[in-house]
């Protein structure tokens, strides 16, 4: 029975660590811009101009 109590305590500590990490990430601005990275690959890149052949 004491093993279950130890596992519950360890589980609560691990979950608290993940919660603290998530709160730190939100406060440091990791989730400020969620739209731009998802659509950035849809924007056309600027293509280099073709060189005109002059004789």
N, C-alpha and C. Protein backbone atom coordinates (compact mmCIF):
# COMPACT_ATOMS: atom_id res chain seq x y z
N UNK A 1 0.82 -1.19 0.00
CA UNK A 1 0.00 0.00 0.00
C UNK A 1 0.86 1.25 0.00
N UNK A 2 2.02 1.19 0.62
CA UNK A 2 2.88 2.37 0.67
C UNK A 2 3.50 2.67 -0.70
N UNK A 3 3.64 1.64 -1.55
CA UNK A 3 4.19 1.85 -2.89
C UNK A 3 3.23 2.70 -3.72
N UNK A 4 1.95 2.47 -3.59
CA UNK A 4 0.95 3.25 -4.32
C UNK A 4 1.02 4.71 -3.89
N UNK A 5 1.19 4.96 -2.61
CA UNK A 5 1.31 6.33 -2.12
C UNK A 5 2.55 7.01 -2.69
N UNK A 6 3.65 6.31 -2.74
CA UNK A 6 4.89 6.86 -3.30
C UNK A 6 4.71 7.18 -4.79
N UNK A 7 4.07 6.27 -5.53
CA UNK A 7 3.84 6.50 -6.95
C UNK A 7 2.90 7.68 -7.19
N UNK A 8 1.90 7.84 -6.36
CA UNK A 8 0.99 8.99 -6.48
C UNK A 8 1.74 10.29 -6.23
N UNK A 9 2.58 10.30 -5.22
CA UNK A 9 3.36 11.51 -4.91
C UNK A 9 4.31 11.84 -6.06
N UNK A 10 4.99 10.82 -6.60
CA UNK A 10 5.89 11.05 -7.72
C UNK A 10 5.11 11.55 -8.94
N UNK A 11 3.95 10.97 -9.18
CA UNK A 11 3.11 11.40 -10.31
C UNK A 11 2.66 12.85 -10.18
N UNK A 12 2.29 13.24 -8.96
CA UNK A 12 1.88 14.63 -8.72
C UNK A 12 3.07 15.57 -8.92
N UNK A 13 4.25 15.17 -8.49
CA UNK A 13 5.44 16.01 -8.67
C UNK A 13 5.79 16.17 -10.16
N UNK A 14 5.71 15.09 -10.91
CA UNK A 14 6.00 15.15 -12.34
C UNK A 14 4.97 16.03 -13.06
N UNK A 15 3.70 15.85 -12.72
CA UNK A 15 2.65 16.67 -13.33
C UNK A 15 2.84 18.14 -12.96
N UNK A 16 3.23 18.41 -11.73
CA UNK A 16 3.49 19.79 -11.32
C UNK A 16 4.67 20.38 -12.07
N UNK A 17 5.68 19.57 -12.35
CA UNK A 17 6.81 20.04 -13.15
C UNK A 17 6.41 20.40 -14.56
N UNK A 18 5.58 19.57 -15.17
CA UNK A 18 5.10 19.88 -16.51
C UNK A 18 4.21 21.12 -16.51
N UNK A 19 3.39 21.27 -15.50
CA UNK A 19 2.55 22.46 -15.39
C UNK A 19 3.39 23.71 -15.22
N UNK A 20 4.43 23.63 -14.40
CA UNK A 20 5.32 24.78 -14.20
C UNK A 20 6.04 25.12 -15.51
N UNK A 21 6.47 24.11 -16.25
CA UNK A 21 7.12 24.35 -17.53
C UNK A 21 6.18 24.98 -18.54
N UNK A 22 4.94 24.55 -18.56
CA UNK A 22 3.95 25.13 -19.47
C UNK A 22 3.66 26.58 -19.11
N UNK A 23 3.51 26.86 -17.83
CA UNK A 23 3.25 28.24 -17.40
C UNK A 23 4.44 29.13 -17.74
N UNK A 24 5.66 28.62 -17.55
CA UNK A 24 6.85 29.39 -17.90
C UNK A 24 6.89 29.68 -19.40
N UNK A 25 6.53 28.69 -20.23
CA UNK A 25 6.55 28.88 -21.68
C UNK A 25 5.51 29.91 -22.11
N UNK A 26 4.35 29.90 -21.49
CA UNK A 26 3.32 30.88 -21.83
C UNK A 26 3.75 32.27 -21.42
N UNK A 27 4.33 32.40 -20.25
CA UNK A 27 4.75 33.72 -19.77
C UNK A 27 5.94 34.27 -20.55
N UNK A 28 6.78 33.39 -21.11
CA UNK A 28 7.94 33.86 -21.85
C UNK A 28 7.61 34.15 -23.31
N UNK A 29 6.36 33.93 -23.73
CA UNK A 29 5.93 34.31 -25.07
C UNK A 29 6.07 33.23 -26.13
N UNK A 30 6.15 31.98 -25.74
CA UNK A 30 6.30 30.91 -26.72
C UNK A 30 5.06 30.73 -27.58
N UNK A 31 3.91 31.12 -27.08
CA UNK A 31 2.66 30.89 -27.80
C UNK A 31 2.00 32.19 -28.25
N UNK A 32 2.78 33.25 -28.44
CA UNK A 32 2.19 34.54 -28.83
C UNK A 32 1.65 34.51 -30.25
N UNK A 33 2.41 34.01 -31.19
CA UNK A 33 2.00 34.01 -32.59
C UNK A 33 1.78 32.58 -33.05
N UNK A 34 0.54 32.17 -33.11
CA UNK A 34 0.25 30.80 -33.52
C UNK A 34 -0.20 30.71 -34.97
N UNK A 35 -0.45 31.84 -35.63
CA UNK A 35 -0.96 31.80 -37.00
C UNK A 35 0.16 31.83 -38.04
N UNK A 36 1.14 32.69 -37.87
CA UNK A 36 2.17 32.87 -38.90
C UNK A 36 2.99 31.62 -39.20
N UNK A 37 3.47 30.88 -38.22
CA UNK A 37 4.27 29.71 -38.58
C UNK A 37 3.50 28.66 -39.38
N UNK A 38 2.20 28.59 -39.17
CA UNK A 38 1.42 27.58 -39.88
C UNK A 38 1.22 27.94 -41.34
N UNK A 39 1.17 29.21 -41.68
CA UNK A 39 0.92 29.61 -43.06
C UNK A 39 2.16 30.15 -43.75
N UNK A 40 3.28 30.19 -43.08
CA UNK A 40 4.50 30.73 -43.67
C UNK A 40 4.93 29.95 -44.90
N UNK A 41 4.71 28.63 -44.89
CA UNK A 41 5.14 27.84 -46.03
C UNK A 41 4.24 28.05 -47.25
N UNK A 42 3.09 28.68 -47.07
CA UNK A 42 2.20 28.93 -48.19
C UNK A 42 2.58 30.18 -48.98
N UNK A 43 3.38 31.05 -48.39
CA UNK A 43 3.77 32.27 -49.07
C UNK A 43 4.82 31.95 -50.14
N UNK A 44 4.69 32.61 -51.28
CA UNK A 44 5.67 32.41 -52.35
C UNK A 44 6.98 33.07 -52.00
N UNK A 45 8.04 32.38 -52.29
CA UNK A 45 9.36 32.97 -52.11
C UNK A 45 9.64 33.91 -53.28
N UNK A 46 10.46 34.88 -53.04
CA UNK A 46 10.84 35.79 -54.11
C UNK A 46 11.79 35.04 -55.03
N UNK A 47 11.39 34.94 -56.29
CA UNK A 47 12.19 34.21 -57.24
C UNK A 47 13.21 35.15 -57.87
N UNK A 48 14.41 34.68 -58.08
CA UNK A 48 15.41 35.56 -58.71
C UNK A 48 15.03 35.85 -60.15
N UNK A 49 15.32 37.07 -60.58
CA UNK A 49 15.01 37.45 -61.95
C UNK A 49 15.94 36.74 -62.92
N UNK A 50 15.39 36.42 -64.08
CA UNK A 50 16.22 35.78 -65.10
C UNK A 50 17.10 36.84 -65.74
N UNK A 51 18.32 36.48 -65.98
CA UNK A 51 19.25 37.41 -66.62
C UNK A 51 18.94 37.47 -68.11
N UNK A 52 18.90 38.69 -68.62
CA UNK A 52 18.67 38.87 -70.05
C UNK A 52 19.99 38.69 -70.78
N UNK A 53 19.93 37.97 -71.85
CA UNK A 53 21.13 37.74 -72.64
C UNK A 53 21.26 38.89 -73.62
N UNK A 54 22.30 39.64 -73.48
CA UNK A 54 22.54 40.76 -74.40
C UNK A 54 23.78 40.47 -75.21
N UNK A 55 23.67 40.69 -76.50
CA UNK A 55 24.81 40.46 -77.39
C UNK A 55 25.32 41.77 -77.90
